[in-house]
Structure formats: C-alpha cells, structure tokens
Amino acid sequence: SATRYATEREAFGKAIGEHQAIKLKLAQMAIGVHASRLLTHDAARRI
C-alpha cells in the first residue's frame, strides 16, 4: 500500500517515492518483510 501510494502521490513537483526520506522508509520495510519471511520459512522447514 505504501509503495503504490508513493508512486501516485506528488509533492514538490514529483512523486513522493522520489524523495529520499520515503525511499529510506520503503527500503527498511522491504528488508523487514523479506527477513521475516525467511525466518518463518526456516523455522517451518525445521519442524
């Protein structure tokens, strides 16, 4: 939802996803999602 909105919403003449502050937030979110998924699948495989 955040990524979609960042490509559609404009501020100061460009999509907010082009602003560094938003890029950093999206990157941290993506890292967390990917790491969480890998941790979950690893535990599931062990069981």
ModelCIF file with pLDDT and N, C-alpha, C, O atoms, coordinates in Angstrom:
data_MODEL
#
_entry.id   MODEL 
#
_entity.id                         1 
_entity.type                       polymer 
_entity.pdbx_number_of_molecules   1 
#
_entity_poly.entity_id                      1 
_entity_poly.type                           'polypeptide(L)' 
_entity_poly.nstd_linkage                   no 
_entity_poly.nstd_monomer                   no 
_entity_poly.pdbx_seq_one_letter_code       SATRYATEREAFGKAIGEHQAIKLKLAQMAIGVHASRLLTHDAARRI 
_entity_poly.pdbx_seq_one_letter_code_can   SATRYATEREAFGKAIGEHQAIKLKLAQMAIGVHASRLLTHDAARRI 
_entity_poly.pdbx_strand_id                 A 
#
loop_
_entity_poly_seq.entity_id 
_entity_poly_seq.num 
_entity_poly_seq.mon_id 
_entity_poly_seq.hetero 
1 1  SER n 
1 2  ALA n 
1 3  THR n 
1 4  ARG n 
1 5  TYR n 
1 6  ALA n 
1 7  THR n 
1 8  GLU n 
1 9  ARG n 
1 10 GLU n 
1 11 ALA n 
1 12 PHE n 
1 13 GLY n 
1 14 LYS n 
1 15 ALA n 
1 16 ILE n 
1 17 GLY n 
1 18 GLU n 
1 19 HIS n 
1 20 GLN n 
1 21 ALA n 
1 22 ILE n 
1 23 LYS n 
1 24 LEU n 
1 25 LYS n 
1 26 LEU n 
1 27 ALA n 
1 28 GLN n 
1 29 MET n 
1 30 ALA n 
1 31 ILE n 
1 32 GLY n 
1 33 VAL n 
1 34 HIS n 
1 35 ALA n 
1 36 SER n 
1 37 ARG n 
1 38 LEU n 
1 39 LEU n 
1 40 THR n 
1 41 HIS n 
1 42 ASP n 
1 43 ALA n 
1 44 ALA n 
1 45 ARG n 
1 46 ARG n 
1 47 ILE n 
#
_struct_asym.id          A 
_struct_asym.entity_id   1 
#
loop_
_ma_qa_metric.id 
_ma_qa_metric.mode 
_ma_qa_metric.name 
_ma_qa_metric.software_group_id 
_ma_qa_metric.type 
1 global pLDDT . pLDDT 
2 local  pLDDT . pLDDT 
#
_ma_qa_metric_global.metric_id      1 
_ma_qa_metric_global.metric_value   96.13 
_ma_qa_metric_global.model_id       1 
_ma_qa_metric_global.ordinal_id     1 
#
loop_
_ma_qa_metric_local.label_asym_id 
_ma_qa_metric_local.label_comp_id 
_ma_qa_metric_local.label_seq_id 
_ma_qa_metric_local.metric_id 
_ma_qa_metric_local.metric_value 
_ma_qa_metric_local.model_id 
_ma_qa_metric_local.ordinal_id 
A SER 1  2 98.00 1 1  
A ALA 2  2 98.00 1 2  
A THR 3  2 98.00 1 3  
A ARG 4  2 97.00 1 4  
A TYR 5  2 97.00 1 5  
A ALA 6  2 97.00 1 6  
A THR 7  2 97.00 1 7  
A GLU 8  2 95.00 1 8  
A ARG 9  2 93.00 1 9  
A GLU 10 2 89.00 1 10 
A ALA 11 2 89.00 1 11 
A PHE 12 2 90.00 1 12 
A GLY 13 2 90.00 1 13 
A LYS 14 2 93.00 1 14 
A ALA 15 2 94.00 1 15 
A ILE 16 2 93.00 1 16 
A GLY 17 2 94.00 1 17 
A GLU 18 2 95.00 1 18 
A HIS 19 2 96.00 1 19 
A GLN 20 2 96.00 1 20 
A ALA 21 2 96.00 1 21 
A ILE 22 2 97.00 1 22 
A LYS 23 2 98.00 1 23 
A LEU 24 2 98.00 1 24 
A LYS 25 2 98.00 1 25 
A LEU 26 2 98.00 1 26 
A ALA 27 2 98.00 1 27 
A GLN 28 2 98.00 1 28 
A MET 29 2 98.00 1 29 
A ALA 30 2 98.00 1 30 
A ILE 31 2 98.00 1 31 
A GLY 32 2 98.00 1 32 
A VAL 33 2 98.00 1 33 
A HIS 34 2 98.00 1 34 
A ALA 35 2 98.00 1 35 
A SER 36 2 98.00 1 36 
A ARG 37 2 98.00 1 37 
A LEU 38 2 97.00 1 38 
A LEU 39 2 98.00 1 39 
A THR 40 2 98.00 1 40 
A HIS 41 2 97.00 1 41 
A ASP 42 2 97.00 1 42 
A ALA 43 2 97.00 1 43 
A ALA 44 2 97.00 1 44 
A ARG 45 2 96.00 1 45 
A ARG 46 2 95.00 1 46 
A ILE 47 2 94.00 1 47 
#
loop_
_atom_site.group_PDB 
_atom_site.id 
_atom_site.type_symbol 
_atom_site.label_atom_id 
_atom_site.label_alt_id 
_atom_site.label_comp_id 
_atom_site.label_asym_id 
_atom_site.label_entity_id 
_atom_site.label_seq_id 
_atom_site.pdbx_PDB_ins_code 
_atom_site.Cartn_x 
_atom_site.Cartn_y 
_atom_site.Cartn_z 
_atom_site.occupancy 
_atom_site.B_iso_or_equiv 
_atom_site.pdbx_formal_charge 
_atom_site.auth_seq_id 
_atom_site.auth_comp_id 
_atom_site.auth_asym_id 
_atom_site.auth_atom_id 
_atom_site.pdbx_PDB_model_num 
ATOM 1   N N  . SER A 1 1  ? 0.828  -1.200  0.000  1.00 98.00 ? 1  SER A N  1 
ATOM 2   C CA . SER A 1 1  ? 0.000  0.000   0.000  1.00 98.00 ? 1  SER A CA 1 
ATOM 3   C C  . SER A 1 1  ? 0.869  1.259   0.000  1.00 98.00 ? 1  SER A C  1 
ATOM 4   O O  . SER A 1 1  ? 0.582  2.220   -0.715 1.00 98.00 ? 1  SER A O  1 
ATOM 5   N N  . ALA A 1 2  ? 1.922  1.245   0.801  1.00 98.00 ? 2  ALA A N  1 
ATOM 6   C CA . ALA A 1 2  ? 2.797  2.416   0.879  1.00 98.00 ? 2  ALA A CA 1 
ATOM 7   C C  . ALA A 1 2  ? 3.536  2.649   -0.429 1.00 98.00 ? 2  ALA A C  1 
ATOM 8   O O  . ALA A 1 2  ? 3.696  3.789   -0.866 1.00 98.00 ? 2  ALA A O  1 
ATOM 9   N N  . THR A 1 3  ? 3.983  1.569   -1.051 1.00 98.00 ? 3  THR A N  1 
ATOM 10  C CA . THR A 1 3  ? 4.723  1.706   -2.310 1.00 98.00 ? 3  THR A CA 1 
ATOM 11  C C  . THR A 1 3  ? 3.814  2.219   -3.417 1.00 98.00 ? 3  THR A C  1 
ATOM 12  O O  . THR A 1 3  ? 4.208  3.084   -4.200 1.00 98.00 ? 3  THR A O  1 
ATOM 13  N N  . ARG A 1 4  ? 2.607  1.688   -3.482 1.00 97.00 ? 4  ARG A N  1 
ATOM 14  C CA . ARG A 1 4  ? 1.657  2.149   -4.502 1.00 97.00 ? 4  ARG A CA 1 
ATOM 15  C C  . ARG A 1 4  ? 1.364  3.633   -4.319 1.00 97.00 ? 4  ARG A C  1 
ATOM 16  O O  . ARG A 1 4  ? 1.375  4.402   -5.280 1.00 97.00 ? 4  ARG A O  1 
ATOM 17  N N  . TYR A 1 5  ? 1.105  4.021   -3.087 1.00 97.00 ? 5  TYR A N  1 
ATOM 18  C CA . TYR A 1 5  ? 0.799  5.430   -2.824 1.00 97.00 ? 5  TYR A CA 1 
ATOM 19  C C  . TYR A 1 5  ? 1.990  6.317   -3.164 1.00 97.00 ? 5  TYR A C  1 
ATOM 20  O O  . TYR A 1 5  ? 1.821  7.426   -3.671 1.00 97.00 ? 5  TYR A O  1 
ATOM 21  N N  . ALA A 1 6  ? 3.205  5.823   -2.881 1.00 97.00 ? 6  ALA A N  1 
ATOM 22  C CA . ALA A 1 6  ? 4.403  6.624   -3.139 1.00 97.00 ? 6  ALA A CA 1 
ATOM 23  C C  . ALA A 1 6  ? 4.631  6.869   -4.621 1.00 97.00 ? 6  ALA A C  1 
ATOM 24  O O  . ALA A 1 6  ? 5.298  7.832   -4.998 1.00 97.00 ? 6  ALA A O  1 
ATOM 25  N N  . THR A 1 7  ? 4.082  6.003   -5.464 1.00 97.00 ? 7  THR A N  1 
ATOM 26  C CA . THR A 1 7  ? 4.213  6.218   -6.915 1.00 97.00 ? 7  THR A CA 1 
ATOM 27  C C  . THR A 1 7  ? 3.123  7.124   -7.469 1.00 97.00 ? 7  THR A C  1 
ATOM 28  O O  . THR A 1 7  ? 3.259  7.657   -8.570 1.00 97.00 ? 7  THR A O  1 
ATOM 29  N N  . GLU A 1 8  ? 2.032  7.305   -6.707 1.00 95.00 ? 8  GLU A N  1 
ATOM 30  C CA . GLU A 1 8  ? 0.885  8.071   -7.210 1.00 95.00 ? 8  GLU A CA 1 
ATOM 31  C C  . GLU A 1 8  ? 0.808  9.482   -6.629 1.00 95.00 ? 8  GLU A C  1 
ATOM 32  O O  . GLU A 1 8  ? 0.382  10.413  -7.312 1.00 95.00 ? 8  GLU A O  1 
ATOM 33  N N  . ARG A 1 9  ? 1.208  9.636   -5.404 1.00 93.00 ? 9  ARG A N  1 
ATOM 34  C CA . ARG A 1 9  ? 1.081  10.909  -4.718 1.00 93.00 ? 9  ARG A CA 1 
ATOM 35  C C  . ARG A 1 9  ? 2.252  11.813  -5.073 1.00 93.00 ? 9  ARG A C  1 
ATOM 36  O O  . ARG A 1 9  ? 3.404  11.382  -5.015 1.00 93.00 ? 9  ARG A O  1 
ATOM 37  N N  . GLU A 1 10 ? 1.974  13.057  -5.438 1.00 89.00 ? 10 GLU A N  1 
ATOM 38  C CA . GLU A 1 10 ? 3.027  14.001  -5.784 1.00 89.00 ? 10 GLU A CA 1 
ATOM 39  C C  . GLU A 1 10 ? 3.145  15.083  -4.729 1.00 89.00 ? 10 GLU A C  1 
ATOM 40  O O  . GLU A 1 10 ? 2.155  15.516  -4.140 1.00 89.00 ? 10 GLU A O  1 
ATOM 41  N N  . ALA A 1 11 ? 4.369  15.504  -4.506 1.00 89.00 ? 11 ALA A N  1 
ATOM 42  C CA . ALA A 1 11 ? 4.666  16.626  -3.611 1.00 89.00 ? 11 ALA A CA 1 
ATOM 43  C C  . ALA A 1 11 ? 5.925  17.319  -4.099 1.00 89.00 ? 11 ALA A C  1 
ATOM 44  O O  . ALA A 1 11 ? 6.912  16.664  -4.437 1.00 89.00 ? 11 ALA A O  1 
ATOM 45  N N  . PHE A 1 12 ? 5.891  18.637  -4.133 1.00 90.00 ? 12 PHE A N  1 
ATOM 46  C CA . PHE A 1 12 ? 7.033  19.431  -4.598 1.00 90.00 ? 12 PHE A CA 1 
ATOM 47  C C  . PHE A 1 12 ? 7.439  19.035  -6.014 1.00 90.00 ? 12 PHE A C  1 
ATOM 48  O O  . PHE A 1 12 ? 8.624  18.986  -6.344 1.00 90.00 ? 12 PHE A O  1 
ATOM 49  N N  . GLY A 1 13 ? 6.437  18.754  -6.840 1.00 90.00 ? 13 GLY A N  1 
ATOM 50  C CA . GLY A 1 13 ? 6.673  18.559  -8.262 1.00 90.00 ? 13 GLY A CA 1 
ATOM 51  C C  . GLY A 1 13 ? 7.057  17.153  -8.689 1.00 90.00 ? 13 GLY A C  1 
ATOM 52  O O  . GLY A 1 13 ? 7.366  16.941  -9.862 1.00 90.00 ? 13 GLY A O  1 
ATOM 53  N N  . LYS A 1 14 ? 7.049  16.185  -7.783 1.00 93.00 ? 14 LYS A N  1 
ATOM 54  C CA . LYS A 1 14 ? 7.364  14.822  -8.182 1.00 93.00 ? 14 LYS A CA 1 
ATOM 55  C C  . LYS A 1 14 ? 6.727  13.832  -7.223 1.00 93.00 ? 14 LYS A C  1 
ATOM 56  O O  . LYS A 1 14 ? 6.304  14.189  -6.123 1.00 93.00 ? 14 LYS A O  1 
ATOM 57  N N  . ALA A 1 15 ? 6.666  12.569  -7.665 1.00 94.00 ? 15 ALA A N  1 
ATOM 58  C CA . ALA A 1 15 ? 6.084  11.524  -6.822 1.00 94.00 ? 15 ALA A CA 1 
ATOM 59  C C  . ALA A 1 15 ? 6.850  11.451  -5.511 1.00 94.00 ? 15 ALA A C  1 
ATOM 60  O O  . ALA A 1 15 ? 8.075  11.568  -5.498 1.00 94.00 ? 15 ALA A O  1 
ATOM 61  N N  . ILE A 1 16 ? 6.131  11.258  -4.401 1.00 93.00 ? 16 ILE A N  1 
ATOM 62  C CA . ILE A 1 16 ? 6.817  11.271  -3.105 1.00 93.00 ? 16 ILE A CA 1 
ATOM 63  C C  . ILE A 1 16 ? 7.823  10.133  -2.986 1.00 93.00 ? 16 ILE A C  1 
ATOM 64  O O  . ILE A 1 16 ? 8.755  10.209  -2.185 1.00 93.00 ? 16 ILE A O  1 
ATOM 65  N N  . GLY A 1 17 ? 7.639  9.071   -3.783 1.00 94.00 ? 17 GLY A N  1 
ATOM 66  C CA . GLY A 1 17 ? 8.600  7.976   -3.769 1.00 94.00 ? 17 GLY A CA 1 
ATOM 67  C C  . GLY A 1 17 ? 9.962  8.365   -4.299 1.00 94.00 ? 17 GLY A C  1 
ATOM 68  O O  . GLY A 1 17 ? 10.931 7.625   -4.127 1.00 94.00 ? 17 GLY A O  1 
ATOM 69  N N  . GLU A 1 18 ? 10.049 9.526   -4.944 1.00 95.00 ? 18 GLU A N  1 
ATOM 70  C CA . GLU A 1 18 ? 11.338 10.012  -5.431 1.00 95.00 ? 18 GLU A CA 1 
ATOM 71  C C  . GLU A 1 18 ? 12.101 10.784  -4.369 1.00 95.00 ? 18 GLU A C  1 
ATOM 72  O O  . GLU A 1 18 ? 13.269 11.118  -4.563 1.00 95.00 ? 18 GLU A O  1 
ATOM 73  N N  . HIS A 1 19 ? 11.449 11.069  -3.247 1.00 96.00 ? 19 HIS A N  1 
ATOM 74  C CA . HIS A 1 19 ? 12.124 11.771  -2.167 1.00 96.00 ? 19 HIS A CA 1 
ATOM 75  C C  . HIS A 1 19 ? 12.890 10.775  -1.298 1.00 96.00 ? 19 HIS A C  1 
ATOM 76  O O  . HIS A 1 19 ? 12.403 9.682   -1.007 1.00 96.00 ? 19 HIS A O  1 
ATOM 77  N N  . GLN A 1 20 ? 14.083 11.166  -0.894 1.00 96.00 ? 20 GLN A N  1 
ATOM 78  C CA . GLN A 1 20 ? 14.958 10.256  -0.176 1.00 96.00 ? 20 GLN A CA 1 
ATOM 79  C C  . GLN A 1 20 ? 14.329 9.752   1.121  1.00 96.00 ? 20 GLN A C  1 
ATOM 80  O O  . GLN A 1 20 ? 14.497 8.584   1.471  1.00 96.00 ? 20 GLN A O  1 
ATOM 81  N N  . ALA A 1 21 ? 13.613 10.606  1.833  1.00 96.00 ? 21 ALA A N  1 
ATOM 82  C CA . ALA A 1 21 ? 13.018 10.211  3.109  1.00 96.00 ? 21 ALA A CA 1 
ATOM 83  C C  . ALA A 1 21 ? 12.049 9.040   2.920  1.00 96.00 ? 21 ALA A C  1 
ATOM 84  O O  . ALA A 1 21 ? 12.013 8.126   3.745  1.00 96.00 ? 21 ALA A O  1 
ATOM 85  N N  . ILE A 1 22 ? 11.275 9.065   1.851  1.00 97.00 ? 22 ILE A N  1 
ATOM 86  C CA . ILE A 1 22 ? 10.312 7.989   1.590  1.00 97.00 ? 22 ILE A CA 1 
ATOM 87  C C  . ILE A 1 22 ? 11.046 6.732   1.120  1.00 97.00 ? 22 ILE A C  1 
ATOM 88  O O  . ILE A 1 22 ? 10.684 5.618   1.499  1.00 97.00 ? 22 ILE A O  1 
ATOM 89  N N  . LYS A 1 23 ? 12.069 6.915   0.299  1.00 98.00 ? 23 LYS A N  1 
ATOM 90  C CA . LYS A 1 23 ? 12.840 5.754   -0.170 1.00 98.00 ? 23 LYS A CA 1 
ATOM 91  C C  . LYS A 1 23 ? 13.440 4.983   0.998  1.00 98.00 ? 23 LYS A C  1 
ATOM 92  O O  . LYS A 1 23 ? 13.433 3.752   1.002  1.00 98.00 ? 23 LYS A O  1 
ATOM 93  N N  . LEU A 1 24 ? 13.953 5.697   1.981  1.00 98.00 ? 24 LEU A N  1 
ATOM 94  C CA . LEU A 1 24 ? 14.569 5.034   3.129  1.00 98.00 ? 24 LEU A CA 1 
ATOM 95  C C  . LEU A 1 24 ? 13.519 4.243   3.923  1.00 98.00 ? 24 LEU A C  1 
ATOM 96  O O  . LEU A 1 24 ? 13.794 3.135   4.382  1.00 98.00 ? 24 LEU A O  1 
ATOM 97  N N  . LYS A 1 25 ? 12.346 4.799   4.080  1.00 98.00 ? 25 LYS A N  1 
ATOM 98  C CA . LYS A 1 25 ? 11.282 4.080   4.777  1.00 98.00 ? 25 LYS A CA 1 
ATOM 99  C C  . LYS A 1 25 ? 10.898 2.812   4.024  1.00 98.00 ? 25 LYS A C  1 
ATOM 100 O O  . LYS A 1 25 ? 10.772 1.744   4.624  1.00 98.00 ? 25 LYS A O  1 
ATOM 101 N N  . LEU A 1 26 ? 10.713 2.924   2.723  1.00 98.00 ? 26 LEU A N  1 
ATOM 102 C CA . LEU A 1 26 ? 10.322 1.759   1.922  1.00 98.00 ? 26 LEU A CA 1 
ATOM 103 C C  . LEU A 1 26 ? 11.400 0.680   1.967  1.00 98.00 ? 26 LEU A C  1 
ATOM 104 O O  . LEU A 1 26 ? 11.093 -0.509  2.055  1.00 98.00 ? 26 LEU A O  1 
ATOM 105 N N  . ALA A 1 27 ? 12.653 1.096   1.907  1.00 98.00 ? 27 ALA A N  1 
ATOM 106 C CA . ALA A 1 27 ? 13.745 0.123   1.939  1.00 98.00 ? 27 ALA A CA 1 
ATOM 107 C C  . ALA A 1 27 ? 13.759 -0.645  3.253  1.00 98.00 ? 27 ALA A C  1 
ATOM 108 O O  . ALA A 1 27 ? 13.900 -1.868  3.258  1.00 98.00 ? 27 ALA A O  1 
ATOM 109 N N  . GLN A 1 28 ? 13.614 0.062   4.360  1.00 98.00 ? 28 GLN A N  1 
ATOM 110 C CA . GLN A 1 28 ? 13.603 -0.610  5.658  1.00 98.00 ? 28 GLN A CA 1 
ATOM 111 C C  . GLN A 1 28 ? 12.416 -1.549  5.795  1.00 98.00 ? 28 GLN A C  1 
ATOM 112 O O  . GLN A 1 28 ? 12.546 -2.629  6.371  1.00 98.00 ? 28 GLN A O  1 
ATOM 113 N N  . MET A 1 29 ? 11.271 -1.156  5.277  1.00 98.00 ? 29 MET A N  1 
ATOM 114 C CA . MET A 1 29 ? 10.102 -2.027  5.306  1.00 98.00 ? 29 MET A CA 1 
ATOM 115 C C  . MET A 1 29 ? 10.361 -3.300  4.497  1.00 98.00 ? 29 MET A C  1 
ATOM 116 O O  . MET A 1 29 ? 10.052 -4.404  4.945  1.00 98.00 ? 29 MET A O  1 
ATOM 117 N N  . ALA A 1 30 ? 10.930 -3.134  3.308  1.00 98.00 ? 30 ALA A N  1 
ATOM 118 C CA . ALA A 1 30 ? 11.199 -4.288  2.446  1.00 98.00 ? 30 ALA A CA 1 
ATOM 119 C C  . ALA A 1 30 ? 12.188 -5.249  3.096  1.00 98.00 ? 30 ALA A C  1 
ATOM 120 O O  . ALA A 1 30 ? 12.023 -6.466  3.006  1.00 98.00 ? 30 ALA A O  1 
ATOM 121 N N  . ILE A 1 31 ? 13.203 -4.713  3.742  1.00 98.00 ? 31 ILE A N  1 
ATOM 122 C CA . ILE A 1 31 ? 14.179 -5.561  4.445  1.00 98.00 ? 31 ILE A CA 1 
ATOM 123 C C  . ILE A 1 31 ? 13.480 -6.364  5.539  1.00 98.00 ? 31 ILE A C  1 
ATOM 124 O O  . ILE A 1 31 ? 13.704 -7.566  5.674  1.00 98.00 ? 31 ILE A O  1 
ATOM 125 N N  . GLY A 1 32 ? 12.636 -5.696  6.313  1.00 98.00 ? 32 GLY A N  1 
ATOM 126 C CA . GLY A 1 32 ? 11.929 -6.383  7.382  1.00 98.00 ? 32 GLY A CA 1 
ATOM 127 C C  . GLY A 1 32 ? 11.007 -7.470  6.889  1.00 98.00 ? 32 GLY A C  1 
ATOM 128 O O  . GLY A 1 32 ? 10.949 -8.551  7.475  1.00 98.00 ? 32 GLY A O  1 
ATOM 129 N N  . VAL A 1 33 ? 10.277 -7.197  5.810  1.00 98.00 ? 33 VAL A N  1 
ATOM 130 C CA . VAL A 1 33 ? 9.363  -8.202  5.252  1.00 98.00 ? 33 VAL A CA 1 
ATOM 131 C C  . VAL A 1 33 ? 10.136 -9.420  4.767  1.00 98.00 ? 33 VAL A C  1 
ATOM 132 O O  . VAL A 1 33 ? 9.764  -10.556 5.063  1.00 98.00 ? 33 VAL A O  1 
ATOM 133 N N  . HIS A 1 34 ? 11.196 -9.187  4.031  1.00 98.00 ? 34 HIS A N  1 
ATOM 134 C CA . HIS A 1 34 ? 11.956 -10.306 3.469  1.00 98.00 ? 34 HIS A CA 1 
ATOM 135 C C  . HIS A 1 34 ? 12.607 -11.134 4.576  1.00 98.00 ? 34 HIS A C  1 
ATOM 136 O O  . HIS A 1 34 ? 12.561 -12.364 4.539  1.00 98.00 ? 34 HIS A O  1 
ATOM 137 N N  . ALA A 1 35 ? 13.210 -10.470 5.554  1.00 98.00 ? 35 ALA A N  1 
ATOM 138 C CA . ALA A 1 35 ? 13.845 -11.197 6.654  1.00 98.00 ? 35 ALA A CA 1 
ATOM 139 C C  . ALA A 1 35 ? 12.815 -11.981 7.458  1.00 98.00 ? 35 ALA A C  1 
ATOM 140 O O  . ALA A 1 35 ? 13.081 -13.110 7.870  1.00 98.00 ? 35 ALA A O  1 
ATOM 141 N N  . SER A 1 36 ? 11.650 -11.397 7.682  1.00 98.00 ? 36 SER A N  1 
ATOM 142 C CA . SER A 1 36 ? 10.598 -12.092 8.422  1.00 98.00 ? 36 SER A CA 1 
ATOM 143 C C  . SER A 1 36 ? 10.147 -13.343 7.695  1.00 98.00 ? 36 SER A C  1 
ATOM 144 O O  . SER A 1 36 ? 9.946  -14.391 8.308  1.00 98.00 ? 36 SER A O  1 
ATOM 145 N N  . ARG A 1 37 ? 9.989  -13.228 6.392  1.00 98.00 ? 37 ARG A N  1 
ATOM 146 C CA . ARG A 1 37 ? 9.547  -14.381 5.603  1.00 98.00 ? 37 ARG A CA 1 
ATOM 147 C C  . ARG A 1 37 ? 10.593 -15.499 5.652  1.00 98.00 ? 37 ARG A C  1 
ATOM 148 O O  . ARG A 1 37 ? 10.244 -16.669 5.803  1.00 98.00 ? 37 ARG A O  1 
ATOM 149 N N  . LEU A 1 38 ? 11.852 -15.146 5.526  1.00 97.00 ? 38 LEU A N  1 
ATOM 150 C CA . LEU A 1 38 ? 12.902 -16.159 5.561  1.00 97.00 ? 38 LEU A CA 1 
ATOM 151 C C  . LEU A 1 38 ? 12.990 -16.836 6.921  1.00 97.00 ? 38 LEU A C  1 
ATOM 152 O O  . LEU A 1 38 ? 13.150 -18.054 6.996  1.00 97.00 ? 38 LEU A O  1 
ATOM 153 N N  . LEU A 1 39 ? 12.889 -16.066 7.992  1.00 98.00 ? 39 LEU A N  1 
ATOM 154 C CA . LEU A 1 39 ? 12.886 -16.646 9.335  1.00 98.00 ? 39 LEU A CA 1 
ATOM 155 C C  . LEU A 1 39 ? 11.718 -17.607 9.515  1.00 98.00 ? 39 LEU A C  1 
ATOM 156 O O  . LEU A 1 39 ? 11.873 -18.682 10.095 1.00 98.00 ? 39 LEU A O  1 
ATOM 157 N N  . THR A 1 40 ? 10.563 -17.219 9.021  1.00 98.00 ? 40 THR A N  1 
ATOM 158 C CA . THR A 1 40 ? 9.364  -18.051 9.160  1.00 98.00 ? 40 THR A CA 1 
ATOM 159 C C  . THR A 1 40 ? 9.507  -19.348 8.386  1.00 98.00 ? 40 THR A C  1 
ATOM 160 O O  . THR A 1 40 ? 9.209  -20.422 8.909  1.00 98.00 ? 40 THR A O  1 
ATOM 161 N N  . HIS A 1 41 ? 9.955  -19.258 7.157  1.00 97.00 ? 41 HIS A N  1 
ATOM 162 C CA . HIS A 1 41 ? 10.101 -20.464 6.341  1.00 97.00 ? 41 HIS A CA 1 
ATOM 163 C C  . HIS A 1 41 ? 11.195 -21.381 6.884  1.00 97.00 ? 41 HIS A C  1 
ATOM 164 O O  . HIS A 1 41 ? 11.073 -22.604 6.818  1.00 97.00 ? 41 HIS A O  1 
ATOM 165 N N  . ASP A 1 42 ? 12.266 -20.786 7.422  1.00 97.00 ? 42 ASP A N  1 
ATOM 166 C CA . ASP A 1 42 ? 13.324 -21.605 8.007  1.00 97.00 ? 42 ASP A CA 1 
ATOM 167 C C  . ASP A 1 42 ? 12.808 -22.395 9.205  1.00 97.00 ? 42 ASP A C  1 
ATOM 168 O O  . ASP A 1 42 ? 13.078 -23.590 9.325  1.00 97.00 ? 42 ASP A O  1 
ATOM 169 N N  . ALA A 1 43 ? 12.067 -21.733 10.091 1.00 97.00 ? 43 ALA A N  1 
ATOM 170 C CA . ALA A 1 43 ? 11.518 -22.439 11.253 1.00 97.00 ? 43 ALA A CA 1 
ATOM 171 C C  . ALA A 1 43 ? 10.533 -23.518 10.810 1.00 97.00 ? 43 ALA A C  1 
ATOM 172 O O  . ALA A 1 43 ? 10.508 -24.612 11.374 1.00 97.00 ? 43 ALA A O  1 
ATOM 173 N N  . ALA A 1 44 ? 9.723  -23.206 9.802  1.00 97.00 ? 44 ALA A N  1 
ATOM 174 C CA . ALA A 1 44 ? 8.761  -24.192 9.302  1.00 97.00 ? 44 ALA A CA 1 
ATOM 175 C C  . ALA A 1 44 ? 9.471  -25.417 8.737  1.00 97.00 ? 44 ALA A C  1 
ATOM 176 O O  . ALA A 1 44 ? 9.043  -26.545 8.979  1.00 97.00 ? 44 ALA A O  1 
ATOM 177 N N  . ARG A 1 45 ? 10.541 -25.208 7.993  1.00 96.00 ? 45 ARG A N  1 
ATOM 178 C CA . ARG A 1 45 ? 11.276 -26.342 7.416  1.00 96.00 ? 45 ARG A CA 1 
ATOM 179 C C  . ARG A 1 45 ? 11.904 -27.206 8.511  1.00 96.00 ? 45 ARG A C  1 
ATOM 180 O O  . ARG A 1 45 ? 11.928 -28.431 8.399  1.00 96.00 ? 45 ARG A O  1 
ATOM 181 N N  . ARG A 1 46 ? 12.405 -26.576 9.552  1.00 95.00 ? 46 ARG A N  1 
ATOM 182 C CA . ARG A 1 46 ? 12.990 -27.344 10.656 1.00 95.00 ? 46 ARG A CA 1 
ATOM 183 C C  . ARG A 1 46 ? 11.937 -28.250 11.298 1.00 95.00 ? 46 ARG A C  1 
ATOM 184 O O  . ARG A 1 46 ? 12.205 -29.418 11.578 1.00 95.00 ? 46 ARG A O  1 
ATOM 185 N N  . ILE A 1 47 ? 10.754 -27.711 11.525 1.00 94.00 ? 47 ILE A N  1 
ATOM 186 C CA . ILE A 1 47 ? 9.689  -28.508 12.124 1.00 94.00 ? 47 ILE A CA 1 
ATOM 187 C C  . ILE A 1 47 ? 9.253  -29.613 11.163 1.00 94.00 ? 47 ILE A C  1 
ATOM 188 O O  . ILE A 1 47 ? 8.360  -30.397 11.487 1.00 94.00 ? 47 ILE A O  1 
#
